[in-house]
Amino acid sequence: MSQQKKYALITGATSGIGHELARLFARDGYHLVIVGRDEATLQHTATELKAFSIDVITINKDLFHPQSAFEVYEEMIHKGIRIDVLVNDAGQGLYGKFIETDIERELAIIDLNISSLVILTKQFVKDMVARGYGKVLNLSSIASKAPGPYQSVYHGTKAFVQSFTEAIRSELKDTGVVITALLPGATDTDFFNKAGMTESKVVQEGKLDDAAKVAKDGYEALMAGKDMVVSGFHNKVNVAMSNVLPDSTVADNMKKKQEPVNKYSSL
């Protein structure tokens, strides 16, 4: 099928950084495929993005279930849509002491943050390599660079995403396919509410970054073909410190930042 339109497929496009990325792609003339598990929110987002005079295709799938990632790819093949850019933004965390948190929720988060991301990347990158062109933006985090007490599973998943992205980037050299990791810090999105983390020091006492600024940093890095970008000067400093300090020290420092404001209260 001949196709002239440029399409970007974005998971997590209905809110936060993913939504701001969708706006940037739309502004630059990309048609969009947005994936989410709430049909009403998807339709509301699509209506807003169509104001940029682009096509917006919605796919109502729950990426907490890895099979849904395969189904997203199959739907694109069925529709004859070539994806030029894949943005793996969807992700969640869970706040609390590991011995007290819900293991079923954590396993679902691993499926969302890791399994579905790997599936989508595998399926679409194979096609990109075959035609010699394509771009992938993976939402990593500065959490990928530090152990995260009170968010042990989330930090672990982001460490995977960062390592995976760097490894695939090395494999894809000279194929025409670019893969970039975006590493935000604590950002003003619904992430902390969904993670049950609103009483943590990082939210109560820290300054949250602007999602639009983070998205712009990621978008520009992807278009420039960079391997990764840490968004925000203070986050760059934190990552630099994490690279030179012992992991045990980094973990203890992170615990102080992420503990509840009243650390004697139950999580």
Protein backbone atom coordinates (compact mmCIF):
# COMPACT_ATOMS: atom_id res chain seq x y z
CA MET A 1 0.00 0.00 0.00
CA SER A 2 1.39 3.36 -1.02
CA GLN A 3 1.38 5.87 1.79
CA GLN A 4 2.58 9.45 1.90
CA LYS A 5 1.26 10.39 5.34
CA LYS A 6 3.61 10.29 8.32
CA TYR A 7 2.20 8.46 11.33
CA ALA A 8 3.33 8.47 14.96
CA LEU A 9 1.92 5.86 17.32
CA ILE A 10 1.89 7.05 20.94
CA THR A 11 0.94 5.10 24.05
CA GLY A 12 -0.06 7.14 27.08
CA ALA A 13 -1.09 10.04 24.82
CA THR A 14 -4.19 11.05 26.78
CA SER A 15 -2.34 12.73 29.65
CA GLY A 16 0.95 14.08 30.94
CA ILE A 17 4.14 13.87 28.91
CA GLY A 18 2.56 11.58 26.32
CA HIS A 19 -0.18 14.12 25.65
CA GLU A 20 2.33 16.92 25.23
CA LEU A 21 4.35 14.76 22.85
CA ALA A 22 1.23 14.07 20.82
CA ARG A 23 0.67 17.80 20.45
CA LEU A 24 4.25 18.31 19.24
CA PHE A 25 3.95 15.58 16.62
CA ALA A 26 0.57 16.93 15.50
CA ARG A 27 1.94 20.46 15.24
CA ASP A 28 4.63 19.18 12.88
CA GLY A 29 2.12 17.44 10.64
CA TYR A 30 2.30 13.86 11.88
CA HIS A 31 -0.94 11.93 11.82
CA LEU A 32 -1.46 10.08 15.07
CA VAL A 33 -2.40 6.69 16.40
CA ILE A 34 -3.11 6.99 20.12
CA VAL A 35 -3.50 3.97 22.39
CA GLY A 36 -5.33 3.92 25.71
CA ARG A 37 -7.68 1.88 27.85
CA ASP A 38 -10.43 4.46 28.38
CA GLU A 39 -12.54 5.01 25.27
CA ALA A 40 -14.09 8.30 26.40
CA THR A 41 -10.71 9.85 27.22
CA LEU A 42 -9.29 8.63 23.91
CA GLN A 43 -12.12 10.25 21.96
CA HIS A 44 -11.80 13.52 23.89
CA THR A 45 -8.05 13.60 23.19
CA ALA A 46 -8.58 12.76 19.51
CA THR A 47 -11.05 15.61 19.12
CA GLU A 48 -8.55 18.05 20.61
CA LEU A 49 -5.65 16.84 18.44
CA LYS A 50 -7.69 17.00 15.23
CA ALA A 51 -7.60 20.78 15.62
CA PHE A 52 -4.09 20.51 14.13
CA SER A 53 -5.70 19.34 10.87
CA ILE A 54 -4.37 15.81 11.14
CA ASP A 55 -5.92 12.35 11.23
CA VAL A 56 -6.18 10.72 14.66
CA ILE A 57 -6.83 7.00 14.99
CA THR A 58 -7.75 5.71 18.44
CA ILE A 59 -7.02 2.19 19.67
CA ASN A 60 -8.79 1.15 22.86
CA LYS A 61 -6.39 -1.41 24.36
CA ASP A 62 -5.18 -2.11 27.90
CA LEU A 63 -1.40 -2.46 27.77
CA PHE A 64 -1.33 -3.88 31.29
CA HIS A 65 -2.04 -7.05 29.29
CA PRO A 66 0.90 -7.79 26.94
CA GLN A 67 -1.33 -9.53 24.40
CA SER A 68 -2.85 -6.10 23.75
CA ALA A 69 0.51 -4.89 22.44
CA PHE A 70 0.50 -7.62 19.80
CA GLU A 71 -3.07 -6.63 18.91
CA VAL A 72 -2.08 -2.98 18.45
CA TYR A 73 0.54 -4.00 15.89
CA GLU A 74 -1.86 -6.38 14.13
CA GLU A 75 -4.46 -3.60 13.86
CA MET A 76 -1.94 -1.33 12.14
CA ILE A 77 -1.11 -4.10 9.65
CA HIS A 78 -4.82 -4.70 9.04
CA LYS A 79 -5.43 -0.99 8.40
CA GLY A 80 -2.37 -0.73 6.15
CA ILE A 81 -0.84 2.03 8.26
CA ARG A 82 2.93 2.41 8.32
CA ILE A 83 4.22 3.71 11.64
CA ASP A 84 7.13 6.10 11.15
CA VAL A 85 7.56 6.95 14.84
CA LEU A 86 6.78 4.84 17.90
CA VAL A 87 6.52 6.55 21.29
CA ASN A 88 6.40 4.19 24.27
CA ASP A 89 5.13 6.58 26.93
CA ALA A 90 2.59 4.52 28.90
CA GLY A 91 3.84 3.56 32.35
CA GLN A 92 2.86 3.48 36.00
CA GLY A 93 4.41 3.12 39.43
CA LEU A 94 3.35 2.00 42.90
CA TYR A 95 4.40 3.67 46.12
CA GLY A 96 5.12 1.88 49.36
CA LYS A 97 7.41 -0.51 51.17
CA PHE A 98 7.98 -3.59 49.03
CA ILE A 99 6.87 -6.02 51.75
CA GLU A 100 3.56 -4.18 52.01
CA THR A 101 2.65 -3.45 48.40
CA ASP A 102 0.29 -5.49 46.20
CA ILE A 103 2.24 -8.06 44.18
CA GLU A 104 -0.51 -8.40 41.56
CA ARG A 105 -0.40 -4.66 40.91
CA GLU A 106 3.40 -4.79 40.68
CA LEU A 107 3.32 -7.65 38.18
CA ALA A 108 0.83 -5.66 36.09
CA ILE A 109 3.16 -2.65 36.20
CA ILE A 110 6.04 -4.84 35.01
CA ASP A 111 3.85 -5.98 32.11
CA LEU A 112 2.94 -2.40 31.21
CA ASN A 113 6.35 -0.78 31.70
CA ILE A 114 8.43 -3.61 30.26
CA SER A 115 6.55 -6.38 28.45
CA SER A 116 4.27 -4.23 26.31
CA LEU A 117 7.09 -1.80 25.55
CA VAL A 118 9.34 -4.64 24.37
CA ILE A 119 6.59 -6.15 22.23
CA LEU A 120 5.71 -2.87 20.51
CA THR A 121 9.37 -2.05 19.95
CA LYS A 122 10.13 -5.48 18.51
CA GLN A 123 7.17 -5.50 16.12
CA PHE A 124 7.50 -1.99 14.76
CA VAL A 125 11.31 -1.81 14.68
CA LYS A 126 11.52 -4.94 12.51
CA ASP A 127 9.39 -3.12 9.92
CA MET A 128 11.41 0.09 10.31
CA VAL A 129 14.69 -1.73 9.71
CA ALA A 130 13.24 -3.48 6.66
CA ARG A 131 12.48 -0.14 5.01
CA GLY A 132 15.56 1.65 6.37
CA TYR A 133 13.78 4.37 8.31
CA GLY A 134 12.01 4.97 11.60
CA LYS A 135 12.21 6.50 15.04
CA VAL A 136 11.44 5.22 18.55
CA LEU A 137 11.18 7.29 21.72
CA ASN A 138 11.13 5.32 24.97
CA LEU A 139 10.10 7.02 28.19
CA SER A 140 12.81 6.12 30.62
CA SER A 141 13.36 8.19 33.78
CA ILE A 142 16.11 9.46 36.04
CA ALA A 143 14.71 6.61 38.17
CA SER A 144 16.58 4.32 35.76
CA LYS A 145 19.86 5.64 37.18
CA ALA A 146 19.15 5.07 40.87
CA PRO A 147 17.67 2.38 43.13
CA GLY A 148 14.33 3.64 44.43
CA PRO A 149 13.22 2.74 47.95
CA TYR A 150 9.41 3.08 48.23
CA GLN A 151 9.27 2.65 44.44
CA SER A 152 11.49 -0.39 44.05
CA VAL A 153 9.59 -2.04 41.20
CA TYR A 154 9.06 1.17 39.22
CA HIS A 155 12.74 2.12 39.41
CA GLY A 156 13.62 -1.44 38.42
CA THR A 157 11.41 -1.28 35.34
CA LYS A 158 12.93 2.00 34.25
CA ALA A 159 16.44 0.61 34.69
CA PHE A 160 15.37 -2.13 32.28
CA VAL A 161 13.96 0.38 29.79
CA GLN A 162 17.17 2.42 29.83
CA SER A 163 19.48 -0.58 29.41
CA PHE A 164 17.23 -2.09 26.74
CA THR A 165 17.08 1.16 24.78
CA GLU A 166 20.85 1.64 24.80
CA ALA A 167 21.42 -1.97 23.72
CA ILE A 168 18.94 -1.80 20.84
CA ARG A 169 20.36 1.54 19.74
CA SER A 170 23.79 -0.07 19.39
CA GLU A 171 22.31 -2.92 17.34
CA LEU A 172 20.46 -0.50 15.08
CA LYS A 173 23.48 1.59 14.07
CA ASP A 174 23.60 2.14 10.31
CA THR A 175 20.05 0.84 9.77
CA GLY A 176 18.41 4.25 9.45
CA VAL A 177 16.41 3.65 12.62
CA VAL A 178 16.85 5.99 15.59
CA ILE A 179 15.97 5.02 19.16
CA THR A 180 16.11 7.60 21.93
CA ALA A 181 15.51 7.47 25.69
CA LEU A 182 13.85 10.40 27.47
CA LEU A 183 14.74 10.66 31.16
CA PRO A 184 12.43 13.02 33.04
CA GLY A 185 12.59 13.69 36.75
CA ALA A 186 9.58 14.28 38.97
CA THR A 187 7.06 15.88 36.59
CA ASP A 188 3.69 17.54 37.13
CA THR A 189 1.46 14.74 35.80
CA ASP A 190 -1.08 12.29 37.20
CA PHE A 191 1.70 9.75 37.82
CA PHE A 192 1.98 10.41 41.55
CA ASN A 193 -1.76 10.20 42.10
CA LYS A 194 -1.99 6.86 40.27
CA ALA A 195 1.02 5.56 42.20
CA GLY A 196 -0.47 6.60 45.56
CA MET A 197 2.55 8.83 46.08
CA THR A 198 1.05 12.25 46.78
CA GLU A 199 2.25 12.30 50.41
CA SER A 200 5.91 11.69 49.50
CA LYS A 201 8.51 14.38 50.10
CA VAL A 202 9.32 14.61 46.38
CA VAL A 203 5.73 15.75 45.73
CA GLN A 204 5.04 17.72 48.91
CA GLU A 205 8.36 19.53 49.17
CA GLY A 206 9.92 19.35 45.69
CA LYS A 207 9.35 21.40 42.55
CA LEU A 208 7.75 19.32 39.83
CA ASP A 209 8.88 19.81 36.23
CA ASP A 210 6.55 21.00 33.48
CA ALA A 211 5.30 18.17 31.25
CA ALA A 212 5.37 20.37 28.14
CA LYS A 213 9.05 21.25 28.69
CA VAL A 214 9.94 17.59 29.26
CA ALA A 215 8.11 16.57 26.08
CA LYS A 216 9.90 19.28 24.08
CA ASP A 217 13.28 18.03 25.31
CA GLY A 218 12.40 14.48 24.29
CA TYR A 219 10.98 15.47 20.93
CA GLU A 220 14.01 17.54 19.99
CA ALA A 221 16.43 14.81 21.10
CA LEU A 222 14.58 12.22 19.01
CA MET A 223 14.56 14.42 15.93
CA ALA A 224 18.26 15.14 16.41
CA GLY A 225 19.02 11.42 16.60
CA LYS A 226 20.42 11.54 20.15
CA ASP A 227 20.73 8.40 22.26
CA MET A 228 19.20 9.94 25.38
CA VAL A 229 18.26 13.19 27.04
CA VAL A 230 17.93 14.00 30.73
CA SER A 231 15.32 16.75 30.99
CA GLY A 232 16.14 19.59 33.38
CA PHE A 233 19.43 20.86 34.81
CA HIS A 234 18.75 19.62 38.36
CA ASN A 235 17.99 16.17 36.99
CA LYS A 236 21.25 16.17 35.02
CA VAL A 237 23.08 16.92 38.28
CA ASN A 238 21.26 14.10 40.08
CA VAL A 239 22.15 11.61 37.33
CA ALA A 240 25.79 12.75 37.35
CA MET A 241 25.94 12.19 41.11
CA SER A 242 24.33 8.76 40.76
CA ASN A 243 27.04 7.80 38.30
CA VAL A 244 29.88 8.46 40.77
CA LEU A 245 28.41 7.55 44.17
CA PRO A 246 28.08 3.95 45.45
CA ASP A 247 24.66 2.44 44.74
CA SER A 248 24.02 2.03 48.47
CA THR A 249 24.54 5.76 49.02
CA VAL A 250 22.35 6.63 46.03
CA ALA A 251 19.59 4.37 47.37
CA ASP A 252 19.75 5.94 50.84
CA ASN A 253 19.63 9.44 49.34
CA MET A 254 16.65 8.46 47.20
CA LYS A 255 14.88 7.00 50.23
CA LYS A 256 15.11 10.36 52.00
CA LYS A 257 13.58 12.11 48.97
CA GLN A 258 10.76 9.60 48.50
CA GLU A 259 9.77 8.82 52.07
CA PRO A 260 6.40 10.12 53.27
CA VAL A 261 6.36 13.63 54.73
CA ASN A 262 5.49 11.98 58.04
CA LYS A 263 7.74 8.95 57.83
CA TYR A 264 6.09 7.44 60.88
CA SER A 265 2.75 7.21 59.13
CA SER A 266 1.89 3.97 57.39
CA LEU A 267 2.19 3.88 53.60
